[in-house]
Amino acid sequence: MNIEDIRKALQNQELPVTHVVMIPLIEKENTLYVLFEVRNRRISQGGDIGLPGGRIEAGEDPETALIREVREELLLQEDQIEILDSLPGTFTTRGRFVRAYVGVIHDYQNTYNNEETEKILLIKLEDLLNIIPEEHQVPMSLEFPDTFPFSLIYQGKEYPFRKRTEMFYFYTHDGYTIWGVTGRILHSFLRICGRNTENR
């Protein structure tokens, strides 16, 4: 390996994205709405509010996987889905790397797959921009297995490991609360849309 090999490796590196989601925008009567899914209570994380998306399957690129997942969950035709762009950064949850996209759903007729989704929520973008989310910074504890090689570290078990924290955002609207990775993605999107985040 030489310097040029390293340069190419650096240029081609990409986080191993395993999941994709979309923030779907719907325009009705000159008003923009964001579509959310209330997850079916019979499945994992039932009752939570999420965004359409899912796992990238073998042989798929992220955008192909996104279109497939959105079509399956909202029962759409491919030409109804317009991908605008991805959000900067990658969001992680439970060890998964999630790439979030913003897209437009055209001619939406309130369809969805009821095996995964209990209900569709359409929330005005303007209303979301006006919500001041509840913010909670949570310390994440470090738990070392018995096999962790403290003997290889100066100070061993007394080493001053830096504690990691994770920020949670809670957006509540009409009795529904958006939080978790969906809240984090929404927070990033709303900042891009120009919400004044000073003193928030």
C-alpha atoms as a PDB file:
ATOM      1  CA  MET A   1       0.000   0.000   0.000  1.00  0.00           C
ATOM      2  CA  ASN A   2       1.217   3.498  -0.820  1.00  0.00           C
ATOM      3  CA  ILE A   3       0.027   7.099  -0.331  1.00  0.00           C
ATOM      4  CA  GLU A   4      -2.120   7.007  -3.502  1.00  0.00           C
ATOM      5  CA  ASP A   5      -3.836   3.811  -2.337  1.00  0.00           C
ATOM      6  CA  ILE A   6      -4.641   5.496   0.964  1.00  0.00           C
ATOM      7  CA  ARG A   7      -5.922   8.609  -0.840  1.00  0.00           C
ATOM      8  CA  LYS A   8      -8.325   6.467  -2.901  1.00  0.00           C
ATOM      9  CA  ALA A   9      -9.444   4.546   0.153  1.00  0.00           C
ATOM     10  CA  LEU A  10     -10.223   7.818   1.947  1.00  0.00           C
ATOM     11  CA  GLN A  11     -12.200   9.133  -1.037  1.00  0.00           C
ATOM     12  CA  ASN A  12     -14.272   5.970  -1.320  1.00  0.00           C
ATOM     13  CA  GLN A  13     -15.061   5.481   2.323  1.00  0.00           C
ATOM     14  CA  GLU A  14     -18.697   5.615   3.375  1.00  0.00           C
ATOM     15  CA  LEU A  15     -20.497   4.752   6.568  1.00  0.00           C
ATOM     16  CA  PRO A  16     -22.167   1.346   6.292  1.00  0.00           C
ATOM     17  CA  VAL A  17     -25.740   2.592   5.998  1.00  0.00           C
ATOM     18  CA  THR A  18     -28.137  -0.267   6.755  1.00  0.00           C
ATOM     19  CA  HIS A  19     -31.493   1.537   6.930  1.00  0.00           C
ATOM     20  CA  VAL A  20     -33.189   4.415   5.122  1.00  0.00           C
ATOM     21  CA  VAL A  21     -36.196   6.567   5.981  1.00  0.00           C
ATOM     22  CA  MET A  22     -38.040   9.387   4.254  1.00  0.00           C
ATOM     23  CA  ILE A  23     -39.577  12.584   5.542  1.00  0.00           C
ATOM     24  CA  PRO A  24     -42.508  12.643   3.105  1.00  0.00           C
ATOM     25  CA  LEU A  25     -43.901  16.049   2.156  1.00  0.00           C
ATOM     26  CA  ILE A  26     -47.432  16.335   0.805  1.00  0.00           C
ATOM     27  CA  GLU A  27     -48.860  19.517  -0.691  1.00  0.00           C
ATOM     28  CA  LYS A  28     -52.585  20.101  -0.376  1.00  0.00           C
ATOM     29  CA  GLU A  29     -54.320  23.392  -1.188  1.00  0.00           C
ATOM     30  CA  ASN A  30     -50.988  25.255  -1.185  1.00  0.00           C
ATOM     31  CA  THR A  31     -50.134  23.914   2.287  1.00  0.00           C
ATOM     32  CA  LEU A  32     -47.224  21.582   3.013  1.00  0.00           C
ATOM     33  CA  TYR A  33     -47.757  18.636   5.342  1.00  0.00           C
ATOM     34  CA  VAL A  34     -45.325  16.074   6.753  1.00  0.00           C
ATOM     35  CA  LEU A  35     -46.550  12.470   6.789  1.00  0.00           C
ATOM     36  CA  PHE A  36     -45.911  10.261   9.809  1.00  0.00           C
ATOM     37  CA  GLU A  37     -46.948   6.679  10.517  1.00  0.00           C
ATOM     38  CA  VAL A  38     -48.386   5.442  13.803  1.00  0.00           C
ATOM     39  CA  ARG A  39     -46.927   1.939  14.024  1.00  0.00           C
ATOM     40  CA  ASN A  40     -49.311  -0.987  14.373  1.00  0.00           C
ATOM     41  CA  ARG A  41     -49.435  -2.008  18.038  1.00  0.00           C
ATOM     42  CA  ARG A  42     -48.984  -5.683  17.105  1.00  0.00           C
ATOM     43  CA  ILE A  43     -45.429  -5.135  15.799  1.00  0.00           C
ATOM     44  CA  SER A  44     -42.113  -4.037  17.298  1.00  0.00           C
ATOM     45  CA  GLN A  45     -42.230  -0.497  18.741  1.00  0.00           C
ATOM     46  CA  GLY A  46     -45.990  -0.532  18.254  1.00  0.00           C
ATOM     47  CA  GLY A  47     -47.710   2.771  18.948  1.00  0.00           C
ATOM     48  CA  ASP A  48     -44.595   4.812  18.191  1.00  0.00           C
ATOM     49  CA  ILE A  49     -44.688   7.462  15.500  1.00  0.00           C
ATOM     50  CA  GLY A  50     -42.212   6.889  12.706  1.00  0.00           C
ATOM     51  CA  LEU A  51     -41.325   7.609   9.110  1.00  0.00           C
ATOM     52  CA  PRO A  52     -41.650   5.246   6.149  1.00  0.00           C
ATOM     53  CA  GLY A  53     -38.487   3.302   5.429  1.00  0.00           C
ATOM     54  CA  GLY A  54     -36.594   0.211   6.419  1.00  0.00           C
ATOM     55  CA  ARG A  55     -33.631  -2.042   5.835  1.00  0.00           C
ATOM     56  CA  ILE A  56     -31.462  -1.920   2.712  1.00  0.00           C
ATOM     57  CA  GLU A  57     -31.514  -5.363   1.127  1.00  0.00           C
ATOM     58  CA  ALA A  58     -28.579  -7.083  -0.588  1.00  0.00           C
ATOM     59  CA  GLY A  59     -27.816  -5.529  -3.962  1.00  0.00           C
ATOM     60  CA  GLU A  60     -29.761  -2.323  -3.288  1.00  0.00           C
ATOM     61  CA  ASP A  61     -28.419   1.203  -3.094  1.00  0.00           C
ATOM     62  CA  PRO A  62     -30.016   3.467  -0.465  1.00  0.00           C
ATOM     63  CA  GLU A  63     -32.361   5.308  -2.837  1.00  0.00           C
ATOM     64  CA  THR A  64     -33.626   2.094  -4.443  1.00  0.00           C
ATOM     65  CA  ALA A  65     -34.312   0.664  -0.994  1.00  0.00           C
ATOM     66  CA  LEU A  66     -36.062   3.868   0.045  1.00  0.00           C
ATOM     67  CA  ILE A  67     -38.434   3.848  -2.922  1.00  0.00           C
ATOM     68  CA  ARG A  68     -39.238   0.167  -2.375  1.00  0.00           C
ATOM     69  CA  GLU A  69     -39.955   0.675   1.319  1.00  0.00           C
ATOM     70  CA  VAL A  70     -42.088   3.788   0.790  1.00  0.00           C
ATOM     71  CA  ARG A  71     -44.079   2.040  -1.934  1.00  0.00           C
ATOM     72  CA  GLU A  72     -44.694  -0.986   0.293  1.00  0.00           C
ATOM     73  CA  GLU A  73     -45.710   1.014   3.359  1.00  0.00           C
ATOM     74  CA  LEU A  74     -47.867   3.656   1.656  1.00  0.00           C
ATOM     75  CA  LEU A  75     -49.117   1.500  -1.252  1.00  0.00           C
ATOM     76  CA  LEU A  76     -47.828   3.911  -3.905  1.00  0.00           C
ATOM     77  CA  GLN A  77     -46.668   3.776  -7.491  1.00  0.00           C
ATOM     78  CA  GLU A  78     -43.026   4.657  -8.107  1.00  0.00           C
ATOM     79  CA  ASP A  79     -43.902   7.788 -10.085  1.00  0.00           C
ATOM     80  CA  GLN A  80     -45.681   9.193  -7.006  1.00  0.00           C
ATOM     81  CA  ILE A  81     -42.385   9.367  -5.099  1.00  0.00           C
ATOM     82  CA  GLU A  82     -39.905  12.200  -5.671  1.00  0.00           C
ATOM     83  CA  ILE A  83     -36.687  12.161  -3.663  1.00  0.00           C
ATOM     84  CA  LEU A  84     -35.342  15.665  -3.038  1.00  0.00           C
ATOM     85  CA  ASP A  85     -32.098  14.920  -1.169  1.00  0.00           C
ATOM     86  CA  SER A  86     -30.697  13.306   1.952  1.00  0.00           C
ATOM     87  CA  LEU A  87     -30.226  15.099   5.231  1.00  0.00           C
ATOM     88  CA  PRO A  88     -26.641  15.789   6.259  1.00  0.00           C
ATOM     89  CA  GLY A  89     -25.300  13.287   8.732  1.00  0.00           C
ATOM     90  CA  THR A  90     -26.320   9.763   9.545  1.00  0.00           C
ATOM     91  CA  PHE A  91     -28.556   8.886  12.463  1.00  0.00           C
ATOM     92  CA  THR A  92     -27.884   5.823  14.569  1.00  0.00           C
ATOM     93  CA  THR A  93     -30.186   3.800  16.748  1.00  0.00           C
ATOM     94  CA  ARG A  94     -29.520   0.435  18.379  1.00  0.00           C
ATOM     95  CA  GLY A  95     -26.325   0.107  16.360  1.00  0.00           C
ATOM     96  CA  ARG A  96     -28.026   0.792  13.023  1.00  0.00           C
ATOM     97  CA  PHE A  97     -26.880   3.440  10.573  1.00  0.00           C
ATOM     98  CA  VAL A  98     -29.879   5.282   9.155  1.00  0.00           C
ATOM     99  CA  ARG A  99     -29.796   7.688   6.224  1.00  0.00           C
ATOM    100  CA  ALA A 100     -32.724  10.102   6.165  1.00  0.00           C
ATOM    101  CA  TYR A 101     -34.092  11.577   2.950  1.00  0.00           C
ATOM    102  CA  VAL A 102     -36.622  14.297   2.250  1.00  0.00           C
ATOM    103  CA  GLY A 103     -39.113  13.543  -0.495  1.00  0.00           C
ATOM    104  CA  VAL A 104     -42.437  14.517  -2.006  1.00  0.00           C
ATOM    105  CA  ILE A 105     -45.446  12.225  -2.326  1.00  0.00           C
ATOM    106  CA  HIS A 106     -47.643  13.186  -5.277  1.00  0.00           C
ATOM    107  CA  ASP A 107     -51.393  12.508  -5.514  1.00  0.00           C
ATOM    108  CA  TYR A 108     -51.554  10.790  -2.140  1.00  0.00           C
ATOM    109  CA  GLN A 109     -54.889   9.100  -1.469  1.00  0.00           C
ATOM    110  CA  ASN A 110     -54.460   8.207   2.238  1.00  0.00           C
ATOM    111  CA  THR A 111     -53.310   4.662   1.478  1.00  0.00           C
ATOM    112  CA  TYR A 112     -51.097   2.599   3.791  1.00  0.00           C
ATOM    113  CA  ASN A 113     -50.238  -0.979   4.688  1.00  0.00           C
ATOM    114  CA  ASN A 114     -52.291  -1.688   7.817  1.00  0.00           C
ATOM    115  CA  GLU A 115     -50.105  -4.651   8.775  1.00  0.00           C
ATOM    116  CA  GLU A 116     -47.369  -2.187   9.743  1.00  0.00           C
ATOM    117  CA  THR A 117     -49.266   1.059  10.223  1.00  0.00           C
ATOM    118  CA  GLU A 118     -52.246   1.799  12.447  1.00  0.00           C
ATOM    119  CA  LYS A 119     -52.843   5.339  11.281  1.00  0.00           C
ATOM    120  CA  ILE A 120     -51.375   8.106   9.108  1.00  0.00           C
ATOM    121  CA  LEU A 121     -50.727  11.533  10.612  1.00  0.00           C
ATOM    122  CA  LEU A 122     -50.496  14.572   8.359  1.00  0.00           C
ATOM    123  CA  ILE A 123     -49.079  17.518  10.286  1.00  0.00           C
ATOM    124  CA  LYS A 124     -48.662  20.951   8.751  1.00  0.00           C
ATOM    125  CA  LEU A 125     -45.005  21.837   8.296  1.00  0.00           C
ATOM    126  CA  GLU A 126     -45.777  25.304   9.638  1.00  0.00           C
ATOM    127  CA  ASP A 127     -47.160  23.781  12.862  1.00  0.00           C
ATOM    128  CA  LEU A 128     -44.034  21.651  13.290  1.00  0.00           C
ATOM    129  CA  LEU A 129     -41.826  24.696  12.766  1.00  0.00           C
ATOM    130  CA  ASN A 130     -43.679  26.468  15.576  1.00  0.00           C
ATOM    131  CA  ILE A 131     -43.311  23.670  18.125  1.00  0.00           C
ATOM    132  CA  ILE A 132     -40.646  24.161  20.771  1.00  0.00           C
ATOM    133  CA  PRO A 133     -39.559  20.585  21.443  1.00  0.00           C
ATOM    134  CA  GLU A 134     -38.864  19.237  24.897  1.00  0.00           C
ATOM    135  CA  GLU A 135     -35.139  18.421  25.002  1.00  0.00           C
ATOM    136  CA  HIS A 136     -33.506  15.901  27.302  1.00  0.00           C
ATOM    137  CA  GLN A 137     -29.808  15.080  27.359  1.00  0.00           C
ATOM    138  CA  VAL A 138     -29.386  11.570  28.718  1.00  0.00           C
ATOM    139  CA  PRO A 139     -26.035  10.128  29.911  1.00  0.00           C
ATOM    140  CA  MET A 140     -25.313   6.744  28.376  1.00  0.00           C
ATOM    141  CA  SER A 141     -23.545   4.420  30.788  1.00  0.00           C
ATOM    142  CA  LEU A 142     -20.480   2.373  29.856  1.00  0.00           C
ATOM    143  CA  GLU A 143     -20.680  -1.297  30.746  1.00  0.00           C
ATOM    144  CA  PHE A 144     -17.439  -3.214  30.290  1.00  0.00           C
ATOM    145  CA  PRO A 145     -17.413  -7.004  29.944  1.00  0.00           C
ATOM    146  CA  ASP A 146     -15.207  -9.047  32.253  1.00  0.00           C
ATOM    147  CA  THR A 147     -12.870  -9.693  29.316  1.00  0.00           C
ATOM    148  CA  PHE A 148     -12.153  -5.990  28.721  1.00  0.00           C
ATOM    149  CA  PRO A 149      -8.315  -5.571  28.776  1.00  0.00           C
ATOM    150  CA  PHE A 150      -7.953  -2.907  31.462  1.00  0.00           C
ATOM    151  CA  SER A 151      -4.399  -4.194  32.017  1.00  0.00           C
ATOM    152  CA  LEU A 152      -3.423  -2.698  28.631  1.00  0.00           C
ATOM    153  CA  ILE A 153      -4.562   0.804  29.625  1.00  0.00           C
ATOM    154  CA  TYR A 154      -2.580   3.237  31.732  1.00  0.00           C
ATOM    155  CA  GLN A 155      -4.600   3.706  34.956  1.00  0.00           C
ATOM    156  CA  GLY A 156      -6.596   0.555  34.152  1.00  0.00           C
ATOM    157  CA  LYS A 157     -10.065   0.627  35.666  1.00  0.00           C
ATOM    158  CA  GLU A 158      -9.343   4.112  37.021  1.00  0.00           C
ATOM    159  CA  TYR A 159      -8.964   5.556  33.529  1.00  0.00           C
ATOM    160  CA  PRO A 160     -11.193   8.678  33.224  1.00  0.00           C
ATOM    161  CA  PHE A 161     -13.461   7.444  30.444  1.00  0.00           C
ATOM    162  CA  ARG A 162     -15.542  10.242  28.977  1.00  0.00           C
ATOM    163  CA  LYS A 163     -19.235   9.612  29.421  1.00  0.00           C
ATOM    164  CA  ARG A 164     -21.321   9.856  26.268  1.00  0.00           C
ATOM    165  CA  THR A 165     -24.647  11.639  26.261  1.00  0.00           C
ATOM    166  CA  GLU A 166     -27.526  11.399  23.823  1.00  0.00           C
ATOM    167  CA  MET A 167     -30.046  14.153  23.092  1.00  0.00           C
ATOM    168  CA  PHE A 168     -33.743  13.295  22.849  1.00  0.00           C
ATOM    169  CA  TYR A 169     -36.269  15.641  21.272  1.00  0.00           C
ATOM    170  CA  PHE A 170     -40.000  15.362  21.987  1.00  0.00           C
ATOM    171  CA  TYR A 171     -42.451  17.014  19.589  1.00  0.00           C
ATOM    172  CA  THR A 172     -46.051  16.861  20.807  1.00  0.00           C
ATOM    173  CA  HIS A 173     -48.968  17.735  18.521  1.00  0.00           C
ATOM    174  CA  ASP A 174     -52.676  16.955  19.003  1.00  0.00           C
ATOM    175  CA  GLY A 175     -51.953  14.325  21.639  1.00  0.00           C
ATOM    176  CA  TYR A 176     -49.238  12.525  19.654  1.00  0.00           C
ATOM    177  CA  THR A 177     -45.548  12.654  20.554  1.00  0.00           C
ATOM    178  CA  ILE A 178     -42.713  12.235  18.061  1.00  0.00           C
ATOM    179  CA  TRP A 179     -39.450  11.235  19.711  1.00  0.00           C
ATOM    180  CA  GLY A 180     -36.456   8.872  19.447  1.00  0.00           C
ATOM    181  CA  VAL A 181     -34.604   8.674  16.152  1.00  0.00           C
ATOM    182  CA  THR A 182     -37.679  10.117  14.393  1.00  0.00           C
ATOM    183  CA  GLY A 183     -37.554  13.131  16.691  1.00  0.00           C
ATOM    184  CA  ARG A 184     -33.833  13.538  15.998  1.00  0.00           C
ATOM    185  CA  ILE A 185     -34.359  13.374  12.235  1.00  0.00           C
ATOM    186  CA  LEU A 186     -37.286  15.792  12.431  1.00  0.00           C
ATOM    187  CA  HIS A 187     -35.219  18.203  14.525  1.00  0.00           C
ATOM    188  CA  SER A 188     -32.453  18.204  11.902  1.00  0.00           C
ATOM    189  CA  PHE A 189     -34.944  18.745   9.081  1.00  0.00           C
ATOM    190  CA  LEU A 190     -36.716  21.634  10.823  1.00  0.00           C
ATOM    191  CA  ARG A 191     -33.403  23.390  11.449  1.00  0.00           C
ATOM    192  CA  ILE A 192     -32.678  23.177   7.723  1.00  0.00           C
ATOM    193  CA  CYS A 193     -36.129  24.616   7.038  1.00  0.00           C
ATOM    194  CA  GLY A 194     -35.105  27.710   8.948  1.00  0.00           C
ATOM    195  CA  ARG A 195     -36.691  27.313  12.373  1.00  0.00           C
ATOM    196  CA  ASN A 196     -35.150  29.787  14.762  1.00  0.00           C
ATOM    197  CA  THR A 197     -33.315  27.571  17.217  1.00  0.00           C
ATOM    198  CA  GLU A 198     -31.949  30.370  19.398  1.00  0.00           C
ATOM    199  CA  ASN A 199     -32.851  29.904  23.058  1.00  0.00           C
ATOM    200  CA  ARG A 200     -34.508  26.558  22.227  1.00  0.00           C
END
